[in-house]
Amino acid sequence: MAEKNKTKAAIIGLGPVGMILAVKLQEAGCEVALCEANETKANKIKNEGLVLENVIQAKAKFTKVCQSISELEGWDADYLFFALKSNHTPAAVKQAEILNTEKLTVVSAQNGIDVEQLLVAGFGESKTMRLVINFAGNTVAPNLTKVTFFTPPNYIGSINDARTEKAKEIADLLSSVNLETKAIDSFELLKRTWEKTILNASLSALCGVSRLTMAEAMSDPDTVELIEQVINEGIEVAEAEKIRFPDDFLRQCLRYLKKGGDHFPSLAVDLINNRPTEIDYFNGKIVEYGRKHYIRTSLNLAFTNMVKAM
């Protein structure tokens, strides 16, 4: 009988974030379904399962691996995690609307400012949660992620506080399997989202343009000077949005970035492989909010336009 009461979580998108969440949610006792559009990748996961190595080491097999979102119809998920790039999200949300039930909660496990609004468009504010992720990895093989860092905790919140108990449930599940996650309110969530996006914006485009890993970028005084200025622009815009950071926030950012190690941010990987990037939700959002407050964000603008040009 216990089987019936298992929390059901479906994960759309199996990059490093999706893979880590899938393995950890299953380890926490959830029934997990995976959705990966790439046929080769989906088949490899079906046959061999998922493997995490380095900072987190784990293996897991999954019984339900789909190639299209429509295959999840009737499975009756409790949670639907979107671990996709923002540029692939609107189409996925459209397809996922057929899965909408009374109990369904959707979770944006994505980077960037306002990216959860893509889910709100399909499911409404009250059903939407946002996970701010402080782990990362690089895909080494279709079913294998090398987890490069985890700087705990992650944060999860309901974006209008309608489903705070659901946020707590996910936080408890992930924390129970050493993926420490804190449930927070919507105002704290906004602050943590800006904090994480400022961190992403400081290095992602720079690593892509320069072909440097995080560790390489952080060990060169010339690039560190650029990184500091990108962060300072982000802080100024956030404060105009009434988001307050502690006085030593810049130092905290630099310390966090130094732990990034031998890692290529996913935006850099996309840029190097000539794929569309999420720059509009990273540096581009800092530029957009800067314009709203008549704040110059010259370096964020330079990186946004450089990445787009490339």
C-alpha atoms as a PDB file:
ATOM      1  CA  MET A   1       0.000   0.000   0.000  1.00  0.00           C
ATOM      2  CA  ALA A   2       2.884   2.373   0.821  1.00  0.00           C
ATOM      3  CA  GLU A   3       3.703   2.643  -2.873  1.00  0.00           C
ATOM      4  CA  LYS A   4       0.474   4.559  -3.494  1.00  0.00           C
ATOM      5  CA  ASN A   5       1.484   7.381  -1.158  1.00  0.00           C
ATOM      6  CA  LYS A   6       4.864   8.074  -2.705  1.00  0.00           C
ATOM      7  CA  THR A   7       5.382  11.668  -3.769  1.00  0.00           C
ATOM      8  CA  LYS A   8       5.491  11.750  -7.582  1.00  0.00           C
ATOM      9  CA  ALA A   9       7.978  14.132  -9.186  1.00  0.00           C
ATOM     10  CA  ALA A  10       8.520  14.526 -12.923  1.00  0.00           C
ATOM     11  CA  ILE A  11      11.622  16.253 -14.233  1.00  0.00           C
ATOM     12  CA  ILE A  12      11.656  17.963 -17.614  1.00  0.00           C
ATOM     13  CA  GLY A  13      15.165  18.505 -18.948  1.00  0.00           C
ATOM     14  CA  LEU A  14      18.154  16.365 -17.997  1.00  0.00           C
ATOM     15  CA  GLY A  15      21.149  18.619 -18.022  1.00  0.00           C
ATOM     16  CA  PRO A  16      23.355  18.546 -14.902  1.00  0.00           C
ATOM     17  CA  VAL A  17      20.676  20.167 -12.682  1.00  0.00           C
ATOM     18  CA  GLY A  18      17.924  17.796 -13.840  1.00  0.00           C
ATOM     19  CA  MET A  19      20.159  14.747 -13.399  1.00  0.00           C
ATOM     20  CA  ILE A  20      21.213  15.731  -9.863  1.00  0.00           C
ATOM     21  CA  LEU A  21      17.603  16.446  -8.832  1.00  0.00           C
ATOM     22  CA  ALA A  22      16.361  13.180 -10.364  1.00  0.00           C
ATOM     23  CA  VAL A  23      18.896  11.042  -8.523  1.00  0.00           C
ATOM     24  CA  LYS A  24      18.413  12.867  -5.211  1.00  0.00           C
ATOM     25  CA  LEU A  25      14.583  12.926  -5.289  1.00  0.00           C
ATOM     26  CA  GLN A  26      14.521   9.193  -5.997  1.00  0.00           C
ATOM     27  CA  GLU A  27      17.023   8.619  -3.172  1.00  0.00           C
ATOM     28  CA  ALA A  28      14.655  10.607  -0.903  1.00  0.00           C
ATOM     29  CA  GLY A  29      11.873   8.120  -1.667  1.00  0.00           C
ATOM     30  CA  CYS A  30       9.970   9.887  -4.442  1.00  0.00           C
ATOM     31  CA  GLU A  31       8.636   8.140  -7.522  1.00  0.00           C
ATOM     32  CA  VAL A  32      10.491   9.982 -10.291  1.00  0.00           C
ATOM     33  CA  ALA A  33       9.636  10.247 -13.996  1.00  0.00           C
ATOM     34  CA  LEU A  34      12.097  11.759 -16.464  1.00  0.00           C
ATOM     35  CA  CYS A  35      11.452  13.639 -19.668  1.00  0.00           C
ATOM     36  CA  GLU A  36      14.310  14.095 -22.132  1.00  0.00           C
ATOM     37  CA  ALA A  37      13.604  15.048 -25.755  1.00  0.00           C
ATOM     38  CA  ASN A  38      16.937  13.794 -27.132  1.00  0.00           C
ATOM     39  CA  GLU A  39      16.391  10.188 -28.257  1.00  0.00           C
ATOM     40  CA  THR A  40      19.999   8.983 -27.835  1.00  0.00           C
ATOM     41  CA  LYS A  41      20.207  10.491 -24.375  1.00  0.00           C
ATOM     42  CA  ALA A  42      16.776   9.175 -23.310  1.00  0.00           C
ATOM     43  CA  ASN A  43      17.673   5.638 -24.441  1.00  0.00           C
ATOM     44  CA  LYS A  44      21.011   5.651 -22.638  1.00  0.00           C
ATOM     45  CA  ILE A  45      19.303   6.822 -19.431  1.00  0.00           C
ATOM     46  CA  LYS A  46      16.594   4.160 -19.873  1.00  0.00           C
ATOM     47  CA  ASN A  47      19.178   1.397 -20.304  1.00  0.00           C
ATOM     48  CA  GLU A  48      21.978   2.470 -17.990  1.00  0.00           C
ATOM     49  CA  GLY A  49      20.415   4.914 -15.520  1.00  0.00           C
ATOM     50  CA  LEU A  50      22.003   8.159 -14.310  1.00  0.00           C
ATOM     51  CA  VAL A  51      25.477   8.509 -12.848  1.00  0.00           C
ATOM     52  CA  LEU A  52      26.832  11.381 -10.734  1.00  0.00           C
ATOM     53  CA  GLU A  53      30.525  11.612  -9.948  1.00  0.00           C
ATOM     54  CA  ASN A  54      33.054  13.860  -8.218  1.00  0.00           C
ATOM     55  CA  VAL A  55      31.486  16.085  -5.498  1.00  0.00           C
ATOM     56  CA  ILE A  56      28.340  13.901  -5.362  1.00  0.00           C
ATOM     57  CA  GLN A  57      28.712  10.209  -6.204  1.00  0.00           C
ATOM     58  CA  ALA A  58      25.589   8.212  -6.981  1.00  0.00           C
ATOM     59  CA  LYS A  59      23.896   5.924  -9.492  1.00  0.00           C
ATOM     60  CA  ALA A  60      20.178   5.434 -10.116  1.00  0.00           C
ATOM     61  CA  LYS A  61      17.916   3.564 -12.528  1.00  0.00           C
ATOM     62  CA  PHE A  62      14.487   4.920 -13.525  1.00  0.00           C
ATOM     63  CA  THR A  63      11.467   2.993 -14.728  1.00  0.00           C
ATOM     64  CA  LYS A  64       9.717   5.927 -16.430  1.00  0.00           C
ATOM     65  CA  VAL A  65      11.809   7.769 -19.026  1.00  0.00           C
ATOM     66  CA  CYS A  66       9.801   9.730 -21.618  1.00  0.00           C
ATOM     67  CA  GLN A  67      10.808  11.633 -24.729  1.00  0.00           C
ATOM     68  CA  SER A  68       7.749  13.860 -24.825  1.00  0.00           C
ATOM     69  CA  ILE A  69       5.846  15.665 -22.090  1.00  0.00           C
ATOM     70  CA  SER A  70       2.542  14.233 -23.358  1.00  0.00           C
ATOM     71  CA  GLU A  71       3.694  10.735 -22.237  1.00  0.00           C
ATOM     72  CA  LEU A  72       3.345  11.966 -18.632  1.00  0.00           C
ATOM     73  CA  GLU A  73      -0.417  12.489 -19.083  1.00  0.00           C
ATOM     74  CA  GLY A  74      -2.360  10.365 -16.606  1.00  0.00           C
ATOM     75  CA  TRP A  75       0.735   9.734 -14.432  1.00  0.00           C
ATOM     76  CA  ASP A  76      -0.702  12.299 -11.991  1.00  0.00           C
ATOM     77  CA  ALA A  77       2.458  14.050 -10.789  1.00  0.00           C
ATOM     78  CA  ASP A  78       2.562  15.988  -7.515  1.00  0.00           C
ATOM     79  CA  TYR A  79       5.490  18.078  -8.725  1.00  0.00           C
ATOM     80  CA  LEU A  80       6.727  19.047 -12.156  1.00  0.00           C
ATOM     81  CA  PHE A  81      10.308  20.335 -12.174  1.00  0.00           C
ATOM     82  CA  PHE A  82      11.460  22.403 -15.126  1.00  0.00           C
ATOM     83  CA  ALA A  83      15.240  22.000 -15.362  1.00  0.00           C
ATOM     84  CA  LEU A  84      15.424  23.386 -18.896  1.00  0.00           C
ATOM     85  CA  LYS A  85      17.168  26.393 -20.372  1.00  0.00           C
ATOM     86  CA  SER A  86      14.919  29.455 -20.382  1.00  0.00           C
ATOM     87  CA  ASN A  87      14.881  29.532 -24.206  1.00  0.00           C
ATOM     88  CA  HIS A  88      13.297  26.039 -24.291  1.00  0.00           C
ATOM     89  CA  THR A  89      10.831  26.707 -21.469  1.00  0.00           C
ATOM     90  CA  PRO A  90       7.850  28.459 -23.151  1.00  0.00           C
ATOM     91  CA  ALA A  91       7.299  25.551 -25.585  1.00  0.00           C
ATOM     92  CA  ALA A  92       7.628  22.983 -22.766  1.00  0.00           C
ATOM     93  CA  VAL A  93       5.174  24.896 -20.554  1.00  0.00           C
ATOM     94  CA  LYS A  94       2.654  24.946 -23.416  1.00  0.00           C
ATOM     95  CA  GLN A  95       2.955  21.147 -23.822  1.00  0.00           C
ATOM     96  CA  ALA A  96       2.804  20.585 -20.060  1.00  0.00           C
ATOM     97  CA  GLU A  97      -0.515  22.378 -19.631  1.00  0.00           C
ATOM     98  CA  ILE A  98      -2.265  19.029 -20.329  1.00  0.00           C
ATOM     99  CA  LEU A  99      -0.745  17.721 -17.061  1.00  0.00           C
ATOM    100  CA  ASN A 100      -2.368  20.439 -14.955  1.00  0.00           C
ATOM    101  CA  THR A 101      -4.404  19.024 -12.056  1.00  0.00           C
ATOM    102  CA  GLU A 102      -5.726  20.463  -8.809  1.00  0.00           C
ATOM    103  CA  LYS A 103      -2.761  19.109  -6.809  1.00  0.00           C
ATOM    104  CA  LEU A 104       0.054  19.780  -9.295  1.00  0.00           C
ATOM    105  CA  THR A 105       2.817  22.171  -8.207  1.00  0.00           C
ATOM    106  CA  VAL A 106       5.350  23.339 -10.806  1.00  0.00           C
ATOM    107  CA  VAL A 107       8.935  24.181  -9.854  1.00  0.00           C
ATOM    108  CA  SER A 108      11.393  26.302 -11.792  1.00  0.00           C
ATOM    109  CA  ALA A 109      14.813  24.716 -11.184  1.00  0.00           C
ATOM    110  CA  GLN A 110      16.436  27.261 -13.459  1.00  0.00           C
ATOM    111  CA  ASN A 111      18.817  30.192 -13.314  1.00  0.00           C
ATOM    112  CA  GLY A 112      18.074  33.835 -14.055  1.00  0.00           C
ATOM    113  CA  ILE A 113      15.839  36.695 -12.965  1.00  0.00           C
ATOM    114  CA  ASP A 114      12.077  36.371 -13.708  1.00  0.00           C
ATOM    115  CA  VAL A 115      12.505  32.930 -15.292  1.00  0.00           C
ATOM    116  CA  GLU A 116       9.707  31.531 -13.073  1.00  0.00           C
ATOM    117  CA  GLN A 117       7.320  33.896 -14.901  1.00  0.00           C
ATOM    118  CA  LEU A 118       7.544  31.503 -17.871  1.00  0.00           C
ATOM    119  CA  LEU A 119       5.852  28.878 -15.655  1.00  0.00           C
ATOM    120  CA  VAL A 120       3.362  31.383 -14.234  1.00  0.00           C
ATOM    121  CA  ALA A 121       2.177  32.018 -17.819  1.00  0.00           C
ATOM    122  CA  GLY A 122       0.956  28.407 -18.047  1.00  0.00           C
ATOM    123  CA  PHE A 123       0.077  27.435 -14.474  1.00  0.00           C
ATOM    124  CA  GLY A 124      -0.598  30.637 -12.525  1.00  0.00           C
ATOM    125  CA  GLU A 125       1.268  32.177  -9.601  1.00  0.00           C
ATOM    126  CA  SER A 126      -0.297  30.070  -6.867  1.00  0.00           C
ATOM    127  CA  LYS A 127       0.980  26.795  -8.349  1.00  0.00           C
ATOM    128  CA  THR A 128       4.502  27.993  -9.102  1.00  0.00           C
ATOM    129  CA  MET A 129       7.579  27.499  -6.942  1.00  0.00           C
ATOM    130  CA  ARG A 130      11.168  28.501  -7.563  1.00  0.00           C
ATOM    131  CA  LEU A 131      14.305  26.597  -6.576  1.00  0.00           C
ATOM    132  CA  VAL A 132      17.508  28.625  -6.279  1.00  0.00           C
ATOM    133  CA  ILE A 133      20.288  26.154  -6.981  1.00  0.00           C
ATOM    134  CA  ASN A 134      23.759  26.327  -5.482  1.00  0.00           C
ATOM    135  CA  PHE A 135      25.152  23.201  -7.109  1.00  0.00           C
ATOM    136  CA  ALA A 136      26.459  22.675 -10.627  1.00  0.00           C
ATOM    137  CA  GLY A 137      28.024  20.127 -12.902  1.00  0.00           C
ATOM    138  CA  ASN A 138      29.172  19.428 -16.410  1.00  0.00           C
ATOM    139  CA  THR A 139      27.721  16.654 -18.579  1.00  0.00           C
ATOM    140  CA  VAL A 140      30.521  14.220 -19.407  1.00  0.00           C
ATOM    141  CA  ALA A 141      28.361  11.615 -21.184  1.00  0.00           C
ATOM    142  CA  PRO A 142      24.614  11.552 -22.057  1.00  0.00           C
ATOM    143  CA  ASN A 143      23.808   9.947 -18.681  1.00  0.00           C
ATOM    144  CA  LEU A 144      26.784  11.129 -16.618  1.00  0.00           C
ATOM    145  CA  THR A 145      27.285  14.413 -14.786  1.00  0.00           C
ATOM    146  CA  LYS A 146      30.499  15.455 -13.102  1.00  0.00           C
ATOM    147  CA  VAL A 147      29.219  17.480 -10.129  1.00  0.00           C
ATOM    148  CA  THR A 148      31.705  20.335  -9.804  1.00  0.00           C
ATOM    149  CA  PHE A 149      30.449  22.085  -6.677  1.00  0.00           C
ATOM    150  CA  PHE A 150      27.711  22.352  -4.077  1.00  0.00           C
ATOM    151  CA  THR A 151      27.773  25.426  -1.846  1.00  0.00           C
ATOM    152  CA  PRO A 152      24.836  24.767   0.500  1.00  0.00           C
ATOM    153  CA  PRO A 153      22.071  25.556   0.997  1.00  0.00           C
ATOM    154  CA  ASN A 154      19.731  25.699  -1.976  1.00  0.00           C
ATOM    155  CA  TYR A 155      16.562  27.748  -1.460  1.00  0.00           C
ATOM    156  CA  ILE A 156      12.980  26.995  -2.426  1.00  0.00           C
ATOM    157  CA  GLY A 157       9.860  29.107  -2.097  1.00  0.00           C
ATOM    158  CA  SER A 158       6.336  29.525  -3.381  1.00  0.00           C
ATOM    159  CA  ILE A 159       6.404  32.696  -5.463  1.00  0.00           C
ATOM    160  CA  ASN A 160       3.295  34.191  -3.861  1.00  0.00           C
ATOM    161  CA  ASP A 161       3.430  32.135  -0.629  1.00  0.00           C
ATOM    162  CA  ALA A 162       0.341  30.118  -1.631  1.00  0.00           C
ATOM    163  CA  ARG A 163       2.165  26.776  -1.304  1.00  0.00           C
ATOM    164  CA  THR A 164       4.613  27.253   1.537  1.00  0.00           C
ATOM    165  CA  GLU A 165       3.931  23.729   2.857  1.00  0.00           C
ATOM    166  CA  LYS A 166       4.925  22.304  -0.545  1.00  0.00           C
ATOM    167  CA  ALA A 167       8.171  24.276  -0.476  1.00  0.00           C
ATOM    168  CA  LYS A 168       8.879  22.817   2.953  1.00  0.00           C
ATOM    169  CA  GLU A 169       8.139  19.291   1.703  1.00  0.00           C
ATOM    170  CA  ILE A 170      10.665  19.580  -1.149  1.00  0.00           C
ATOM    171  CA  ALA A 171      13.242  21.237   1.133  1.00  0.00           C
ATOM    172  CA  ASP A 172      12.889  18.378   3.646  1.00  0.00           C
ATOM    173  CA  LEU A 173      13.128  15.700   0.947  1.00  0.00           C
ATOM    174  CA  LEU A 174      16.296  17.163  -0.581  1.00  0.00           C
ATOM    175  CA  SER A 175      17.889  17.895   2.799  1.00  0.00           C
ATOM    176  CA  SER A 176      17.239  14.292   3.884  1.00  0.00           C
ATOM    177  CA  VAL A 177      19.652  13.118   1.163  1.00  0.00           C
ATOM    178  CA  ASN A 178      22.450  15.641   1.823  1.00  0.00           C
ATOM    179  CA  LEU A 179      21.290  18.228  -0.704  1.00  0.00           C
ATOM    180  CA  GLU A 180      20.642  20.829   1.981  1.00  0.00           C
ATOM    181  CA  THR A 181      17.738  23.062   0.932  1.00  0.00           C
ATOM    182  CA  LYS A 182      15.918  25.774   2.899  1.00  0.00           C
ATOM    183  CA  ALA A 183      12.258  26.709   2.458  1.00  0.00           C
ATOM    184  CA  ILE A 184      11.897  30.508   2.407  1.00  0.00           C
ATOM    185  CA  ASP A 185       9.151  33.083   1.841  1.00  0.00           C
ATOM    186  CA  SER A 186       8.554  34.886  -1.451  1.00  0.00           C
ATOM    187  CA  PHE A 187      10.442  38.053  -0.447  1.00  0.00           C
ATOM    188  CA  GLU A 188      13.523  36.132   0.633  1.00  0.00           C
ATOM    189  CA  LEU A 189      13.163  34.105  -2.589  1.00  0.00           C
ATOM    190  CA  LEU A 190      13.365  37.276  -4.677  1.00  0.00           C
ATOM    191  CA  LYS A 191      16.527  38.329  -2.859  1.00  0.00           C
ATOM    192  CA  ARG A 192      18.160  34.883  -3.265  1.00  0.00           C
ATOM    193  CA  THR A 193      17.237  34.865  -6.973  1.00  0.00           C
ATOM    194  CA  TRP A 194      18.945  38.218  -7.516  1.00  0.00           C
ATOM    195  CA  GLU A 195      21.930  37.096  -5.464  1.00  0.00           C
ATOM    196  CA  LYS A 196      22.374  33.938  -7.543  1.00  0.00           C
ATOM    197  CA  THR A 197      21.813  35.759 -10.846  1.00  0.00           C
ATOM    198  CA  ILE A 198      24.419  38.393  -9.970  1.00  0.00           C
ATOM    199  CA  LEU A 199      26.837  35.504  -9.301  1.00  0.00           C
ATOM    200  CA  ASN A 200      25.917  33.839 -12.610  1.00  0.00           C
ATOM    201  CA  ALA A 201      26.167  37.102 -14.537  1.00  0.00           C
ATOM    202  CA  SER A 202      29.590  37.865 -13.074  1.00  0.00           C
ATOM    203  CA  LEU A 203      31.305  34.849 -14.638  1.00  0.00           C
ATOM    204  CA  SER A 204      29.122  33.016 -17.182  1.00  0.00           C
ATOM    205  CA  ALA A 205      29.523  35.389 -20.126  1.00  0.00           C
ATOM    206  CA  LEU A 206      33.148  36.122 -19.253  1.00  0.00           C
ATOM    207  CA  CYS A 207      34.021  32.397 -19.223  1.00  0.00           C
ATOM    208  CA  GLY A 208      32.218  31.916 -22.540  1.00  0.00           C
ATOM    209  CA  VAL A 209      33.891  34.840 -24.277  1.00  0.00           C
ATOM    210  CA  SER A 210      37.354  34.120 -22.849  1.00  0.00           C
ATOM    211  CA  ARG A 211      37.123  30.289 -22.822  1.00  0.00           C
ATOM    212  CA  LEU A 212      38.339  30.276 -19.199  1.00  0.00           C
ATOM    213  CA  THR A 213      37.024  27.979 -16.442  1.00  0.00           C
ATOM    214  CA  MET A 214      35.773  29.615 -13.231  1.00  0.00           C
ATOM    215  CA  ALA A 215      39.051  28.791 -11.465  1.00  0.00           C
ATOM    216  CA  GLU A 216      41.122  30.309 -14.288  1.00  0.00           C
ATOM    217  CA  ALA A 217      39.005  33.480 -14.397  1.00  0.00           C
ATOM    218  CA  MET A 218      39.247  33.876 -10.614  1.00  0.00           C
ATOM    219  CA  SER A 219      43.029  33.494 -10.563  1.00  0.00           C
ATOM    220  CA  ASP A 220      43.772  36.400 -12.927  1.00  0.00           C
ATOM    221  CA  PRO A 221      43.736  39.928 -11.370  1.00  0.00           C
ATOM    222  CA  ASP A 222      42.637  41.474 -14.702  1.00  0.00           C
ATOM    223  CA  THR A 223      39.536  39.291 -15.036  1.00  0.00           C
ATOM    224  CA  VAL A 224      38.770  39.610 -11.300  1.00  0.00           C
ATOM    225  CA  GLU A 225      38.618  43.395 -11.779  1.00  0.00           C
ATOM    226  CA  LEU A 226      35.978  42.921 -14.499  1.00  0.00           C
ATOM    227  CA  ILE A 227      34.074  40.429 -12.338  1.00  0.00           C
ATOM    228  CA  GLU A 228      33.958  42.896  -9.424  1.00  0.00           C
ATOM    229  CA  GLN A 229      32.569  45.645 -11.652  1.00  0.00           C
ATOM    230  CA  VAL A 230      29.887  43.373 -13.128  1.00  0.00           C
ATOM    231  CA  ILE A 231      28.857  42.430  -9.567  1.00  0.00           C
ATOM    232  CA  ASN A 232      28.801  46.057  -8.414  1.00  0.00           C
ATOM    233  CA  GLU A 233      26.473  47.017 -11.289  1.00  0.00           C
ATOM    234  CA  GLY A 234      24.148  44.165 -10.285  1.00  0.00           C
ATOM    235  CA  ILE A 235      24.160  45.260  -6.635  1.00  0.00           C
ATOM    236  CA  GLU A 236      23.309  48.854  -7.586  1.00  0.00           C
ATOM    237  CA  VAL A 237      20.341  47.738  -9.725  1.00  0.00           C
ATOM    238  CA  ALA A 238      19.107  45.274  -7.056  1.00  0.00           C
ATOM    239  CA  GLU A 239      19.195  48.017  -4.424  1.00  0.00           C
ATOM    240  CA  ALA A 240      17.124  50.271  -6.698  1.00  0.00           C
ATOM    241  CA  GLU A 241      14.628  47.355  -6.709  1.00  0.00           C
ATOM    242  CA  LYS A 242      14.649  47.555  -2.874  1.00  0.00           C
ATOM    243  CA  ILE A 243      16.669  44.349  -2.515  1.00  0.00           C
ATOM    244  CA  ARG A 244      19.233  44.866   0.245  1.00  0.00           C
ATOM    245  CA  PHE A 245      22.486  42.971   0.472  1.00  0.00           C
ATOM    246  CA  PRO A 246      24.913  42.957   3.412  1.00  0.00           C
ATOM    247  CA  ASP A 247      27.881  45.365   3.299  1.00  0.00           C
ATOM    248  CA  ASP A 248      30.333  42.544   2.614  1.00  0.00           C
ATOM    249  CA  PHE A 249      28.221  41.070  -0.215  1.00  0.00           C
ATOM    250  CA  LEU A 250      30.888  41.703  -2.879  1.00  0.00           C
ATOM    251  CA  ARG A 251      33.448  39.820  -0.769  1.00  0.00           C
ATOM    252  CA  GLN A 252      30.940  36.992  -0.208  1.00  0.00           C
ATOM    253  CA  CYS A 253      30.418  36.757  -3.983  1.00  0.00           C
ATOM    254  CA  LEU A 254      34.140  36.541  -4.668  1.00  0.00           C
ATOM    255  CA  ARG A 255      34.559  33.854  -2.020  1.00  0.00           C
ATOM    256  CA  TYR A 256      31.665  31.851  -3.534  1.00  0.00           C
ATOM    257  CA  LEU A 257      33.105  32.208  -7.053  1.00  0.00           C
ATOM    258  CA  LYS A 258      36.552  31.037  -5.895  1.00  0.00           C
ATOM    259  CA  LYS A 259      34.933  27.722  -4.890  1.00  0.00           C
ATOM    260  CA  GLY A 260      33.659  27.191  -8.453  1.00  0.00           C
ATOM    261  CA  GLY A 261      36.778  25.282  -9.391  1.00  0.00           C
ATOM    262  CA  ASP A 262      37.449  23.701 -12.748  1.00  0.00           C
ATOM    263  CA  HIS A 263      33.941  24.401 -14.004  1.00  0.00           C
ATOM    264  CA  PHE A 264      32.546  25.889 -17.207  1.00  0.00           C
ATOM    265  CA  PRO A 265      29.214  27.637 -16.464  1.00  0.00           C
ATOM    266  CA  SER A 266      26.411  26.258 -18.649  1.00  0.00           C
ATOM    267  CA  LEU A 267      26.013  29.570 -20.501  1.00  0.00           C
ATOM    268  CA  ALA A 268      29.718  29.387 -21.415  1.00  0.00           C
ATOM    269  CA  VAL A 269      29.274  25.788 -22.620  1.00  0.00           C
ATOM    270  CA  ASP A 270      26.340  26.880 -24.807  1.00  0.00           C
ATOM    271  CA  LEU A 271      28.308  29.799 -26.230  1.00  0.00           C
ATOM    272  CA  ILE A 272      31.358  27.630 -26.995  1.00  0.00           C
ATOM    273  CA  ASN A 273      29.065  25.112 -28.758  1.00  0.00           C
ATOM    274  CA  ASN A 274      27.232  27.834 -30.750  1.00  0.00           C
ATOM    275  CA  ARG A 275      23.913  27.156 -29.019  1.00  0.00           C
ATOM    276  CA  PRO A 276      21.426  29.860 -27.956  1.00  0.00           C
ATOM    277  CA  THR A 277      22.209  31.100 -24.440  1.00  0.00           C
ATOM    278  CA  GLU A 278      20.233  32.390 -21.449  1.00  0.00           C
ATOM    279  CA  ILE A 279      22.003  35.750 -21.481  1.00  0.00           C
ATOM    280  CA  ASP A 280      18.662  37.635 -21.570  1.00  0.00           C
ATOM    281  CA  TYR A 281      17.802  36.280 -18.101  1.00  0.00           C
ATOM    282  CA  PHE A 282      21.310  36.867 -16.675  1.00  0.00           C
ATOM    283  CA  ASN A 283      23.194  40.063 -17.591  1.00  0.00           C
ATOM    284  CA  GLY A 284      20.337  41.084 -19.879  1.00  0.00           C
ATOM    285  CA  LYS A 285      17.905  41.299 -16.931  1.00  0.00           C
ATOM    286  CA  ILE A 286      20.362  43.447 -14.959  1.00  0.00           C
ATOM    287  CA  VAL A 287      20.524  45.776 -17.975  1.00  0.00           C
ATOM    288  CA  GLU A 288      16.709  45.767 -18.319  1.00  0.00           C
ATOM    289  CA  TYR A 289      16.105  46.617 -14.638  1.00  0.00           C
ATOM    290  CA  GLY A 290      18.958  49.143 -14.793  1.00  0.00           C
ATOM    291  CA  ARG A 291      17.187  51.008 -17.614  1.00  0.00           C
ATOM    292  CA  LYS A 292      14.012  51.086 -15.520  1.00  0.00           C
ATOM    293  CA  HIS A 293      15.916  52.994 -12.813  1.00  0.00           C
ATOM    294  CA  TYR A 294      18.148  55.026 -15.182  1.00  0.00           C
ATOM    295  CA  ILE A 295      21.233  53.176 -13.929  1.00  0.00           C
ATOM    296  CA  ARG A 296      24.109  52.593 -16.329  1.00  0.00           C
ATOM    297  CA  THR A 297      25.179  48.960 -16.484  1.00  0.00           C
ATOM    298  CA  SER A 298      27.932  49.291 -19.074  1.00  0.00           C
ATOM    299  CA  LEU A 299      29.747  46.004 -18.424  1.00  0.00           C
ATOM    300  CA  ASN A 300      26.574  43.920 -18.205  1.00  0.00           C
ATOM    301  CA  LEU A 301      25.433  45.535 -21.450  1.00  0.00           C
ATOM    302  CA  ALA A 302      28.808  44.836 -23.091  1.00  0.00           C
ATOM    303  CA  PHE A 303      28.680  41.149 -22.100  1.00  0.00           C
ATOM    304  CA  THR A 304      25.022  40.793 -23.136  1.00  0.00           C
ATOM    305  CA  ASN A 305      25.622  42.248 -26.576  1.00  0.00           C
ATOM    306  CA  MET A 306      28.936  40.438 -27.066  1.00  0.00           C
ATOM    307  CA  VAL A 307      27.347  37.070 -26.306  1.00  0.00           C
ATOM    308  CA  LYS A 308      24.431  37.835 -28.645  1.00  0.00           C
ATOM    309  CA  ALA A 309      26.834  38.880 -31.400  1.00  0.00           C
ATOM    310  CA  MET A 310      28.804  35.656 -31.001  1.00  0.00           C
END
